[in-house]
N, C-alpha and C. Protein backbone atom coordinates (compact mmCIF):
# COMPACT_ATOMS: atom_id res chain seq x y z
N MET A 1 8.26 5.02 43.97
CA MET A 1 8.60 6.46 43.95
C MET A 1 9.93 6.61 43.07
N ALA A 2 10.90 5.68 43.43
CA ALA A 2 12.16 5.74 42.77
C ALA A 2 11.97 5.41 41.19
N ASN A 3 11.03 4.57 41.03
CA ASN A 3 10.82 4.08 39.60
C ASN A 3 10.19 5.26 38.82
N ILE A 4 9.36 6.11 39.41
CA ILE A 4 8.62 7.19 38.76
C ILE A 4 9.68 8.33 38.45
N LYS A 5 10.74 8.56 39.40
CA LYS A 5 11.78 9.46 39.19
C LYS A 5 12.67 8.99 38.00
N ARG A 6 12.83 7.73 37.98
CA ARG A 6 13.86 7.19 36.91
C ARG A 6 13.11 7.41 35.62
N LYS A 7 11.83 6.97 35.52
CA LYS A 7 11.11 7.20 34.16
C LYS A 7 11.04 8.66 33.85
N THR A 8 10.86 9.52 34.80
CA THR A 8 10.65 10.94 34.46
C THR A 8 12.00 11.39 33.94
N TYR A 9 13.03 11.14 34.45
CA TYR A 9 14.37 11.40 34.09
C TYR A 9 14.60 10.93 32.72
N GLU A 10 14.24 9.69 32.41
CA GLU A 10 14.43 9.05 30.98
C GLU A 10 13.68 9.82 30.01
N TYR A 11 12.51 10.16 30.39
CA TYR A 11 11.70 11.02 29.28
C TYR A 11 12.21 12.35 29.22
N TRP A 12 12.79 12.96 30.20
CA TRP A 12 13.25 14.22 30.13
C TRP A 12 14.56 14.28 29.28
N ASP A 13 15.39 13.20 29.54
CA ASP A 13 16.77 13.10 28.94
C ASP A 13 16.47 13.10 27.36
N ILE A 14 15.37 12.32 26.96
CA ILE A 14 15.06 12.15 25.48
C ILE A 14 14.44 13.41 25.00
N GLY A 15 13.38 13.81 25.78
CA GLY A 15 12.39 14.83 25.50
C GLY A 15 13.19 16.16 25.13
N LYS A 16 14.20 16.46 26.01
CA LYS A 16 14.83 17.84 25.87
C LYS A 16 15.45 18.04 24.53
N TRP A 17 16.07 16.96 24.11
CA TRP A 17 16.75 17.00 22.85
C TRP A 17 15.76 17.15 21.78
N SER A 18 14.65 16.34 21.78
CA SER A 18 13.45 16.48 20.66
C SER A 18 12.96 17.92 20.65
N ALA A 19 12.75 18.51 21.92
CA ALA A 19 12.16 19.79 21.95
C ALA A 19 13.17 20.81 21.30
N ALA A 20 14.47 20.65 21.71
CA ALA A 20 15.36 21.58 21.04
C ALA A 20 15.37 21.54 19.60
N SER A 21 15.39 20.31 18.99
CA SER A 21 15.32 20.10 17.60
C SER A 21 14.20 20.78 17.09
N MET A 22 13.00 20.78 17.60
CA MET A 22 11.71 21.28 17.15
C MET A 22 11.99 22.86 16.98
N ILE A 23 12.59 23.35 18.18
CA ILE A 23 12.87 24.76 18.08
C ILE A 23 13.62 25.31 16.87
N CYS A 24 14.65 24.46 16.53
CA CYS A 24 15.60 24.80 15.39
C CYS A 24 14.74 24.54 14.14
N PHE A 25 14.02 23.59 14.04
CA PHE A 25 13.05 23.47 12.87
C PHE A 25 12.10 24.67 12.64
N TRP A 26 11.48 25.05 13.79
CA TRP A 26 10.49 26.12 13.74
C TRP A 26 11.24 27.45 13.50
N SER A 27 12.48 27.59 13.87
CA SER A 27 13.06 28.88 13.68
C SER A 27 13.41 29.13 12.09
N ILE A 28 13.50 27.94 11.43
CA ILE A 28 13.98 28.13 10.04
C ILE A 28 12.66 28.27 9.12
N THR A 29 11.61 27.48 9.48
CA THR A 29 10.35 27.42 8.75
C THR A 29 9.43 28.67 9.11
N GLN A 30 8.73 28.49 10.25
CA GLN A 30 7.95 29.64 10.56
C GLN A 30 8.71 30.84 11.01
N GLY A 31 9.81 30.72 11.66
CA GLY A 31 10.74 31.70 12.15
C GLY A 31 11.16 32.64 11.15
N SER A 32 11.46 31.99 9.92
CA SER A 32 11.95 32.77 8.78
C SER A 32 10.96 33.83 8.40
N PHE A 33 9.63 33.42 8.43
CA PHE A 33 8.62 34.44 7.92
C PHE A 33 8.48 35.52 8.87
N ILE A 34 8.83 35.44 10.23
CA ILE A 34 8.77 36.46 11.05
C ILE A 34 10.13 37.48 10.79
N PHE A 35 11.26 36.76 10.87
CA PHE A 35 12.43 37.49 10.67
C PHE A 35 12.52 38.38 9.46
N LEU A 36 12.01 37.86 8.22
CA LEU A 36 12.13 38.52 7.03
C LEU A 36 10.78 39.17 6.62
N GLU A 37 9.95 39.42 7.51
CA GLU A 37 8.72 40.05 7.23
C GLU A 37 8.74 41.39 6.58
N LYS A 38 9.73 42.06 7.07
CA LYS A 38 9.97 43.59 6.69
C LYS A 38 10.95 43.69 5.62
N CYS A 39 11.48 42.47 5.23
CA CYS A 39 12.60 42.58 4.17
C CYS A 39 12.25 42.02 2.79
N ILE A 40 11.00 41.38 2.76
CA ILE A 40 10.52 40.85 1.37
C ILE A 40 9.10 41.37 1.06
N SER A 41 8.76 41.17 -0.11
CA SER A 41 7.41 41.67 -0.44
C SER A 41 6.23 40.79 0.24
N ASP A 42 5.08 41.54 0.37
CA ASP A 42 3.95 40.93 1.01
C ASP A 42 3.63 39.59 0.30
N GLU A 43 3.63 39.80 -1.18
CA GLU A 43 3.17 38.59 -2.00
C GLU A 43 4.12 37.40 -1.72
N GLN A 44 5.40 37.58 -1.66
CA GLN A 44 6.30 36.49 -1.37
C GLN A 44 6.05 35.84 0.11
N LEU A 45 5.85 36.83 0.97
CA LEU A 45 5.58 36.34 2.27
C LEU A 45 4.27 35.46 2.43
N VAL A 46 3.26 36.00 1.83
CA VAL A 46 2.06 35.20 2.00
C VAL A 46 2.01 34.04 1.14
N PHE A 47 2.28 34.11 0.02
CA PHE A 47 2.23 32.88 -0.87
C PHE A 47 3.24 31.74 -0.36
N SER A 48 4.47 32.23 0.02
CA SER A 48 5.40 31.15 0.60
C SER A 48 4.79 30.40 1.66
N ARG A 49 4.14 31.14 2.63
CA ARG A 49 3.53 30.61 3.83
C ARG A 49 2.37 29.57 3.18
N LEU A 50 1.56 30.07 2.36
CA LEU A 50 0.53 29.27 1.72
C LEU A 50 1.16 28.00 1.10
N ALA A 51 2.19 28.04 0.27
CA ALA A 51 2.81 26.97 -0.42
C ALA A 51 3.32 25.96 0.73
N LEU A 52 3.95 26.44 1.73
CA LEU A 52 4.41 25.58 2.80
C LEU A 52 3.25 24.85 3.34
N SER A 53 2.08 25.38 3.55
CA SER A 53 0.89 24.76 4.26
C SER A 53 0.42 23.85 3.29
N LEU A 54 0.24 24.12 2.03
CA LEU A 54 -0.38 23.23 0.96
C LEU A 54 0.47 22.00 0.80
N SER A 55 1.82 22.06 0.76
CA SER A 55 2.66 20.97 0.59
C SER A 55 2.88 20.18 1.87
N GLY A 56 2.22 20.67 2.93
CA GLY A 56 2.28 19.97 4.28
C GLY A 56 1.58 18.67 4.20
N ILE A 57 0.70 18.34 3.18
CA ILE A 57 0.17 17.01 3.03
C ILE A 57 1.16 16.01 2.86
N ILE A 58 2.30 16.40 2.19
CA ILE A 58 3.41 15.35 1.95
C ILE A 58 4.06 15.08 3.31
N ALA A 59 4.23 16.06 4.24
CA ALA A 59 4.84 15.94 5.62
C ALA A 59 3.92 15.05 6.40
N ILE A 60 2.53 15.23 6.25
CA ILE A 60 1.54 14.40 7.05
C ILE A 60 1.89 12.92 6.70
N TYR A 61 2.19 12.59 5.51
CA TYR A 61 2.28 11.23 5.07
C TYR A 61 3.51 10.74 5.79
N TYR A 62 4.61 11.34 5.73
CA TYR A 62 5.80 10.90 6.45
C TYR A 62 5.78 10.78 7.88
N THR A 63 4.93 11.77 8.51
CA THR A 63 4.88 11.62 10.02
C THR A 63 4.09 10.40 10.35
N SER A 64 3.06 10.02 9.55
CA SER A 64 2.25 8.75 9.80
C SER A 64 3.15 7.60 9.60
N ILE A 65 4.02 7.55 8.59
CA ILE A 65 4.92 6.43 8.47
C ILE A 65 5.89 6.40 9.53
N GLU A 66 6.47 7.43 10.16
CA GLU A 66 7.38 7.42 11.22
C GLU A 66 6.71 6.75 12.44
N ASN A 67 5.44 7.02 12.75
CA ASN A 67 4.84 6.48 13.97
C ASN A 67 4.71 5.00 13.71
N LYS A 68 4.50 4.46 12.43
CA LYS A 68 4.35 3.12 12.18
C LYS A 68 5.70 2.31 12.22
N MET A 69 6.76 3.04 11.77
CA MET A 69 8.07 2.36 11.60
C MET A 69 8.86 2.30 12.86
N MET A 70 8.81 3.18 13.67
CA MET A 70 9.65 3.28 14.75
C MET A 70 9.77 1.99 15.61
N PRO A 71 8.66 1.40 16.02
CA PRO A 71 8.78 0.17 16.76
C PRO A 71 9.56 -1.03 15.88
N GLU A 72 9.34 -0.99 14.70
CA GLU A 72 10.03 -2.02 13.83
C GLU A 72 11.49 -1.79 13.70
N LEU A 73 11.80 -0.56 13.55
CA LEU A 73 13.30 -0.19 13.48
C LEU A 73 14.08 -0.49 14.86
N ARG A 74 13.32 -0.12 15.80
CA ARG A 74 14.07 -0.49 17.25
C ARG A 74 14.28 -2.05 17.37
N GLY A 75 13.18 -2.79 16.96
CA GLY A 75 13.43 -4.30 17.01
C GLY A 75 14.59 -4.69 16.12
N LEU A 76 14.60 -4.19 14.92
CA LEU A 76 15.64 -4.59 13.93
C LEU A 76 17.11 -4.29 14.53
N ILE A 77 17.15 -3.09 15.18
CA ILE A 77 18.50 -2.58 15.70
C ILE A 77 18.90 -3.44 16.84
N LEU A 78 17.96 -3.53 17.74
CA LEU A 78 18.23 -4.51 18.96
C LEU A 78 18.78 -5.76 18.54
N GLU A 79 18.21 -6.47 17.39
CA GLU A 79 18.54 -7.79 17.01
C GLU A 79 19.64 -7.84 16.01
N SER A 80 20.26 -6.52 15.75
CA SER A 80 21.28 -6.33 14.76
C SER A 80 21.13 -6.84 13.48
N ARG A 81 19.91 -6.69 12.99
CA ARG A 81 19.48 -7.20 11.56
C ARG A 81 19.81 -6.23 10.40
N THR A 82 21.04 -6.07 10.15
CA THR A 82 21.60 -5.09 9.27
C THR A 82 20.83 -5.17 7.87
N ASP A 83 20.69 -6.53 7.37
CA ASP A 83 20.14 -6.82 6.11
C ASP A 83 18.69 -6.38 6.13
N ALA A 84 17.92 -6.72 7.18
CA ALA A 84 16.55 -6.36 7.24
C ALA A 84 16.40 -4.74 7.20
N LEU A 85 17.31 -4.07 7.83
CA LEU A 85 17.21 -2.65 7.86
C LEU A 85 17.58 -2.12 6.52
N GLN A 86 18.34 -2.61 5.71
CA GLN A 86 18.57 -2.27 4.37
C GLN A 86 17.42 -2.47 3.70
N THR A 87 16.68 -3.58 3.72
CA THR A 87 15.40 -3.97 2.99
C THR A 87 14.32 -2.90 3.31
N ALA A 88 14.29 -2.53 4.61
CA ALA A 88 13.33 -1.51 5.04
C ALA A 88 13.63 -0.22 4.50
N LYS A 89 14.92 0.20 4.41
CA LYS A 89 15.39 1.43 3.79
C LYS A 89 14.85 1.43 2.28
N LYS A 90 15.14 0.39 1.51
CA LYS A 90 14.86 0.50 0.18
C LYS A 90 13.47 0.58 -0.06
N LYS A 91 12.66 -0.17 0.64
CA LYS A 91 11.13 0.01 0.59
C LYS A 91 10.69 1.33 0.92
N TYR A 92 11.28 1.85 2.00
CA TYR A 92 10.93 3.32 2.36
C TYR A 92 11.13 4.26 1.26
N TYR A 93 12.32 4.11 0.64
CA TYR A 93 12.75 5.15 -0.38
C TYR A 93 11.78 4.95 -1.59
N LYS A 94 11.50 3.76 -1.98
CA LYS A 94 10.66 3.38 -3.21
C LYS A 94 9.33 4.02 -2.94
N ASN A 95 8.69 3.67 -1.85
CA ASN A 95 7.23 4.22 -1.57
C ASN A 95 7.37 5.65 -1.37
N GLY A 96 8.29 6.19 -0.77
CA GLY A 96 8.47 7.59 -0.57
C GLY A 96 8.41 8.42 -1.90
N VAL A 97 9.23 7.90 -2.75
CA VAL A 97 9.46 8.58 -4.17
C VAL A 97 8.12 8.72 -4.81
N ILE A 98 7.44 7.45 -4.88
CA ILE A 98 6.12 7.33 -5.46
C ILE A 98 5.14 8.32 -4.96
N VAL A 99 4.95 8.14 -3.57
CA VAL A 99 4.01 8.95 -2.94
C VAL A 99 4.27 10.51 -3.11
N SER A 100 5.42 10.81 -3.02
CA SER A 100 5.92 12.30 -3.01
C SER A 100 5.59 12.83 -4.44
N ILE A 101 5.86 12.15 -5.39
CA ILE A 101 5.56 12.48 -6.91
C ILE A 101 3.97 12.63 -6.95
N LEU A 102 3.19 11.76 -6.59
CA LEU A 102 1.83 11.77 -6.68
C LEU A 102 1.15 12.87 -5.90
N PHE A 103 1.60 13.13 -4.60
CA PHE A 103 1.21 14.25 -3.91
C PHE A 103 1.51 15.52 -4.38
N SER A 104 2.74 15.66 -4.89
CA SER A 104 3.34 16.86 -5.52
C SER A 104 2.37 17.33 -6.81
N ILE A 105 2.20 16.27 -7.62
CA ILE A 105 1.34 16.64 -8.86
C ILE A 105 -0.10 16.85 -8.43
N SER A 106 -0.69 16.21 -7.55
CA SER A 106 -1.92 16.57 -6.94
C SER A 106 -2.06 17.99 -6.52
N THR A 107 -1.03 18.30 -5.61
CA THR A 107 -1.09 19.62 -5.02
C THR A 107 -0.99 20.74 -5.98
N LEU A 108 0.00 20.63 -7.00
CA LEU A 108 0.15 21.60 -8.15
C LEU A 108 -1.11 21.64 -8.91
N THR A 109 -1.67 20.51 -9.37
CA THR A 109 -2.87 20.49 -10.00
C THR A 109 -4.04 21.06 -9.33
N PHE A 110 -4.33 20.81 -8.12
CA PHE A 110 -5.24 21.47 -7.28
C PHE A 110 -5.29 22.98 -7.18
N TYR A 111 -4.02 23.50 -6.98
CA TYR A 111 -3.87 24.89 -6.99
C TYR A 111 -4.16 25.62 -8.39
N SER A 112 -3.67 24.92 -9.46
CA SER A 112 -3.99 25.44 -10.84
C SER A 112 -5.36 25.61 -11.03
N GLN A 113 -6.02 24.47 -10.70
CA GLN A 113 -7.51 24.37 -10.93
C GLN A 113 -8.35 25.43 -10.18
N ILE A 114 -8.00 25.65 -8.96
CA ILE A 114 -8.63 26.60 -8.01
C ILE A 114 -8.29 28.06 -8.37
N PHE A 115 -7.03 28.31 -8.43
CA PHE A 115 -6.54 29.65 -8.56
C PHE A 115 -6.03 30.03 -9.91
N GLY A 116 -6.06 29.19 -10.88
CA GLY A 116 -5.57 29.47 -12.22
C GLY A 116 -4.01 29.21 -12.24
N ILE A 117 -3.52 29.40 -13.63
CA ILE A 117 -2.01 29.18 -13.76
C ILE A 117 -1.40 30.56 -13.55
N ASN A 118 -0.50 30.45 -12.52
CA ASN A 118 0.42 31.47 -12.28
C ASN A 118 1.98 30.86 -12.06
N TYR A 119 2.74 30.97 -13.02
CA TYR A 119 3.94 30.23 -13.04
C TYR A 119 4.90 30.62 -11.93
N HIS A 120 4.82 31.84 -11.44
CA HIS A 120 5.65 32.24 -10.36
C HIS A 120 5.22 31.51 -9.10
N HIS A 121 3.83 31.59 -8.78
CA HIS A 121 3.39 30.84 -7.64
C HIS A 121 3.54 29.33 -7.71
N LEU A 122 3.33 28.79 -8.93
CA LEU A 122 3.54 27.47 -9.15
C LEU A 122 4.93 27.03 -8.88
N SER A 123 5.89 27.66 -9.30
CA SER A 123 7.36 27.44 -8.98
C SER A 123 7.73 27.53 -7.54
N ILE A 124 7.20 28.36 -6.74
CA ILE A 124 7.29 28.43 -5.33
C ILE A 124 6.66 27.15 -4.73
N LEU A 125 5.49 26.86 -5.15
CA LEU A 125 4.81 25.69 -4.61
C LEU A 125 5.47 24.44 -5.03
N PHE A 126 6.17 24.40 -6.24
CA PHE A 126 6.83 23.30 -6.45
C PHE A 126 8.00 23.01 -5.62
N LEU A 127 8.83 24.13 -5.36
CA LEU A 127 9.99 24.21 -4.39
C LEU A 127 9.65 23.70 -3.04
N MET A 128 8.40 24.05 -2.50
CA MET A 128 8.03 23.64 -1.29
C MET A 128 7.62 22.02 -1.23
N CYS A 129 6.97 21.62 -2.32
CA CYS A 129 6.72 20.21 -2.51
C CYS A 129 8.16 19.50 -2.56
N PHE A 130 9.02 19.92 -3.35
CA PHE A 130 10.31 19.35 -3.40
C PHE A 130 10.94 19.28 -1.99
N TYR A 131 10.86 20.28 -1.34
CA TYR A 131 11.46 20.40 0.13
C TYR A 131 10.82 19.31 0.96
N GLN A 132 9.50 19.29 0.92
CA GLN A 132 8.79 18.15 1.79
C GLN A 132 9.22 16.92 1.36
N SER A 133 9.28 16.49 0.03
CA SER A 133 9.54 15.32 -0.41
C SER A 133 11.06 14.90 -0.19
N ILE A 134 12.01 15.63 -0.43
CA ILE A 134 13.39 15.30 -0.14
C ILE A 134 13.51 15.09 1.37
N THR A 135 13.11 16.08 2.23
CA THR A 135 13.39 15.78 3.69
C THR A 135 12.47 14.60 4.17
N GLY A 136 11.43 14.33 3.56
CA GLY A 136 10.73 13.20 4.01
C GLY A 136 11.32 11.81 3.60
N ILE A 137 11.93 11.77 2.28
CA ILE A 137 12.50 10.64 1.79
C ILE A 137 13.75 10.27 2.67
N PHE A 138 14.56 11.24 2.90
CA PHE A 138 15.87 11.12 3.41
C PHE A 138 15.80 11.18 5.04
N ARG A 139 14.52 11.24 5.51
CA ARG A 139 14.33 11.21 6.99
C ARG A 139 14.51 9.87 7.57
N PHE A 140 14.59 8.93 6.79
CA PHE A 140 14.83 7.55 7.21
C PHE A 140 15.94 7.50 8.08
N ASP A 141 17.20 8.18 7.89
CA ASP A 141 18.28 8.28 8.68
C ASP A 141 18.02 8.80 10.03
N ALA A 142 17.21 9.80 10.03
CA ALA A 142 16.81 10.32 11.31
C ALA A 142 16.01 9.31 12.16
N TYR A 143 15.08 8.44 11.48
CA TYR A 143 14.37 7.54 12.21
C TYR A 143 15.34 6.39 12.86
N VAL A 144 16.22 6.09 12.09
CA VAL A 144 17.27 5.14 12.60
C VAL A 144 18.12 5.72 13.74
N LEU A 145 18.43 6.91 13.76
CA LEU A 145 19.16 7.65 14.81
C LEU A 145 18.19 7.62 15.97
N LYS A 146 16.85 7.93 15.73
CA LYS A 146 16.02 7.95 17.00
C LYS A 146 15.94 6.59 17.50
N ALA A 147 15.84 5.45 16.80
CA ALA A 147 15.73 4.13 17.11
C ALA A 147 16.95 3.67 17.92
N MET A 148 18.18 4.31 17.51
CA MET A 148 19.34 4.04 18.25
C MET A 148 19.55 4.93 19.45
N LYS A 149 18.48 5.68 19.81
CA LYS A 149 18.42 6.61 20.87
C LYS A 149 19.56 7.79 20.84
N PHE A 150 19.92 8.25 19.53
CA PHE A 150 20.82 9.28 19.38
C PHE A 150 20.15 10.56 19.10
N HIS A 151 19.22 10.93 20.02
CA HIS A 151 18.41 12.15 19.93
C HIS A 151 19.29 13.37 19.94
N LYS A 152 20.31 13.30 20.66
CA LYS A 152 21.25 14.57 20.68
C LYS A 152 21.78 14.77 19.38
N VAL A 153 22.22 13.74 18.63
CA VAL A 153 22.78 13.74 17.36
C VAL A 153 21.78 14.61 16.28
N ILE A 154 20.39 14.20 16.51
CA ILE A 154 19.51 14.88 15.68
C ILE A 154 19.45 16.34 15.95
N PHE A 155 19.45 16.70 17.21
CA PHE A 155 19.45 17.99 17.59
C PHE A 155 20.74 18.77 17.03
N PHE A 156 21.88 18.23 17.02
CA PHE A 156 22.99 18.82 16.52
C PHE A 156 22.92 19.09 15.03
N SER A 157 22.37 18.06 14.25
CA SER A 157 22.17 18.24 12.80
C SER A 157 21.34 19.41 12.62
N ASN A 158 20.21 19.58 13.33
CA ASN A 158 19.17 20.71 13.17
C ASN A 158 19.89 22.01 13.53
N PHE A 159 20.60 21.96 14.62
CA PHE A 159 21.22 23.13 15.14
C PHE A 159 22.39 23.61 14.18
N ILE A 160 23.23 22.78 13.52
CA ILE A 160 24.24 23.14 12.70
C ILE A 160 23.65 23.63 11.48
N SER A 161 22.63 23.00 10.96
CA SER A 161 21.97 23.33 9.69
C SER A 161 21.24 24.73 9.83
N ALA A 162 20.67 24.92 10.99
CA ALA A 162 20.03 26.33 11.22
C ALA A 162 21.09 27.36 11.28
N GLY A 163 22.16 27.17 11.91
CA GLY A 163 23.16 28.18 12.17
C GLY A 163 23.78 28.49 10.60
N ILE A 164 24.02 27.52 9.92
CA ILE A 164 24.43 27.90 8.51
C ILE A 164 23.51 28.55 7.65
N VAL A 165 22.27 28.16 7.66
CA VAL A 165 21.29 28.83 6.96
C VAL A 165 20.95 30.21 7.43
N TYR A 166 21.10 30.52 8.67
CA TYR A 166 20.74 31.79 9.21
C TYR A 166 21.82 32.95 8.72
N ILE A 167 22.94 32.36 8.21
CA ILE A 167 23.83 33.53 7.64
C ILE A 167 23.26 34.20 6.55
N PRO A 168 22.64 33.60 5.55
CA PRO A 168 22.02 34.38 4.51
C PRO A 168 20.90 35.18 4.92
N ILE A 169 20.18 34.67 5.88
CA ILE A 169 19.07 35.42 6.58
C ILE A 169 19.55 36.86 7.17
N PHE A 170 20.57 36.77 8.00
CA PHE A 170 20.99 37.95 8.59
C PHE A 170 21.59 38.92 7.57
N TYR A 171 22.23 38.32 6.50
CA TYR A 171 22.79 39.16 5.47
C TYR A 171 21.75 39.85 4.80
N THR A 172 20.70 39.14 4.52
CA THR A 172 19.46 39.77 3.88
C THR A 172 18.91 40.96 4.69
N ILE A 173 18.78 40.71 6.02
CA ILE A 173 18.32 41.75 6.85
C ILE A 173 19.13 43.12 6.91
N THR A 174 20.54 42.79 6.89
CA THR A 174 21.33 43.98 6.78
C THR A 174 21.78 44.48 5.39
N SER A 175 21.30 43.92 4.32
CA SER A 175 21.75 44.23 2.95
C SER A 175 20.50 44.47 2.18
N SER A 176 20.32 45.52 1.40
CA SER A 176 19.27 45.81 0.50
C SER A 176 19.36 44.95 -0.83
N GLN A 177 20.43 44.26 -0.99
CA GLN A 177 20.71 43.60 -2.27
C GLN A 177 19.84 42.48 -2.44
N LEU A 178 19.47 41.77 -1.54
CA LEU A 178 18.64 40.53 -1.62
C LEU A 178 17.20 40.78 -1.23
N THR A 179 16.77 41.93 -0.87
CA THR A 179 15.44 42.03 -0.46
C THR A 179 14.32 41.86 -1.57
N ASN A 180 14.77 41.91 -2.76
CA ASN A 180 13.78 41.74 -3.86
C ASN A 180 13.90 40.28 -4.43
N THR A 181 14.68 39.41 -3.82
CA THR A 181 14.64 38.08 -4.26
C THR A 181 13.38 37.44 -4.16
N GLU A 182 12.76 37.04 -5.26
CA GLU A 182 11.40 36.45 -5.22
C GLU A 182 11.37 35.03 -4.45
N TYR A 183 12.47 34.32 -4.52
CA TYR A 183 12.42 33.00 -4.04
C TYR A 183 13.15 32.83 -2.84
N LEU A 184 13.48 33.89 -2.04
CA LEU A 184 14.25 33.86 -0.78
C LEU A 184 13.83 32.81 0.18
N LEU A 185 12.60 32.92 0.59
CA LEU A 185 12.09 32.11 1.67
C LEU A 185 12.04 30.61 1.23
N PRO A 186 11.63 30.36 0.14
CA PRO A 186 11.56 28.83 -0.19
C PRO A 186 13.07 28.33 -0.41
N ILE A 187 14.00 29.03 -0.81
CA ILE A 187 15.30 28.75 -0.92
C ILE A 187 16.03 28.50 0.44
N ILE A 188 15.66 29.28 1.36
CA ILE A 188 16.08 29.22 2.79
C ILE A 188 15.66 27.84 3.34
N ILE A 189 14.35 27.70 3.20
CA ILE A 189 13.64 26.52 3.92
C ILE A 189 14.29 25.23 3.16
N LEU A 190 14.33 25.18 1.89
CA LEU A 190 14.90 24.17 1.12
C LEU A 190 16.29 23.78 1.54
N LEU A 191 17.12 24.86 1.50
CA LEU A 191 18.56 24.73 1.84
C LEU A 191 18.73 24.06 3.29
N ASN A 192 17.90 24.49 4.17
CA ASN A 192 17.93 23.87 5.57
C ASN A 192 17.51 22.46 5.58
N GLY A 193 16.55 22.01 4.74
CA GLY A 193 16.06 20.62 4.73
C GLY A 193 17.21 19.74 4.11
N LEU A 194 17.88 20.22 2.95
CA LEU A 194 19.02 19.52 2.43
C LEU A 194 20.13 19.26 3.35
N LEU A 195 20.38 20.31 4.01
CA LEU A 195 21.69 20.35 4.99
C LEU A 195 21.33 19.24 6.05
N CYS A 196 20.08 19.47 6.57
CA CYS A 196 19.73 18.35 7.72
C CYS A 196 19.78 17.02 7.26
N SER A 197 19.15 16.70 6.07
CA SER A 197 19.33 15.39 5.36
C SER A 197 20.86 14.84 5.38
N LEU A 198 21.69 15.76 4.95
CA LEU A 198 22.97 15.34 4.74
C LEU A 198 23.75 15.04 5.96
N LEU A 199 23.38 15.95 7.08
CA LEU A 199 23.98 15.72 8.35
C LEU A 199 23.44 14.56 9.01
N TYR A 200 22.17 14.17 8.81
CA TYR A 200 21.77 12.91 9.34
C TYR A 200 22.50 11.70 8.86
N ARG A 201 22.79 11.75 7.48
CA ARG A 201 23.47 10.71 6.79
C ARG A 201 24.88 10.69 7.28
N LEU A 202 25.63 11.72 7.54
CA LEU A 202 26.92 11.78 7.98
C LEU A 202 27.03 11.39 9.27
N PHE A 203 26.16 11.70 10.21
CA PHE A 203 26.21 11.28 11.62
C PHE A 203 25.95 9.78 11.73
N LEU A 204 24.89 9.42 11.00
CA LEU A 204 24.63 7.87 10.95
C LEU A 204 25.69 7.04 10.41
N THR A 205 26.44 7.42 9.35
CA THR A 205 27.45 6.77 8.80
C THR A 205 28.55 6.66 9.79
N SER A 206 28.88 7.87 10.49
CA SER A 206 30.02 7.70 11.41
C SER A 206 29.78 6.87 12.62
N ARG A 207 28.48 6.51 12.77
CA ARG A 207 28.12 5.60 13.94
C ARG A 207 27.88 4.11 13.36
N LYS A 208 28.48 3.93 12.21
CA LYS A 208 28.42 2.59 11.50
C LYS A 208 27.01 2.17 11.29
N GLY A 209 26.17 3.14 10.85
CA GLY A 209 24.67 2.85 10.71
C GLY A 209 24.60 2.20 9.27
N LEU A 210 23.53 2.54 8.70
CA LEU A 210 23.20 2.02 7.19
C LEU A 210 24.31 2.56 6.33
């Protein structure tokens, strides 16, 4: 019985931070569509959501890679194999860049073939593909933090980033000056992704990571 309680506590201790991180992530992506629904045009709202979904194929790739890499990274960290971590990182970056470019081109080509050439729509789709690619490539730092069991740090990264990004969101809601910005949603989502990636790197470096 004591062992079950201990395991339950361990799962909760890790899971609560992961759940909190997901809430921050949701608030910026899907949450932004809800908060800005009445502040932007229907076209931007609908297509930005579609572009995020279409570019999701890139995110699926990185999720599958995470599930595969985590056991390996835990082993390397436990054995303090810094050189092997650097090698894994370079390989991850190289493969990530190649796959992201291929998936982005495929997504943009698919949309163009099915729905025709619309440069405004394609530019939004490109921003969403860029967002998925950048956050996926630099997610390696988050993987290492998870392997080091710094789940709280990942939450703080997401929380701080969400807080910073929500400033322009609230400004948009209270000001009519930005309501006609055609790229508002993609920029908000991309900005959050870049900030999170930067914070992962800063927190990992401060803990003498890669």
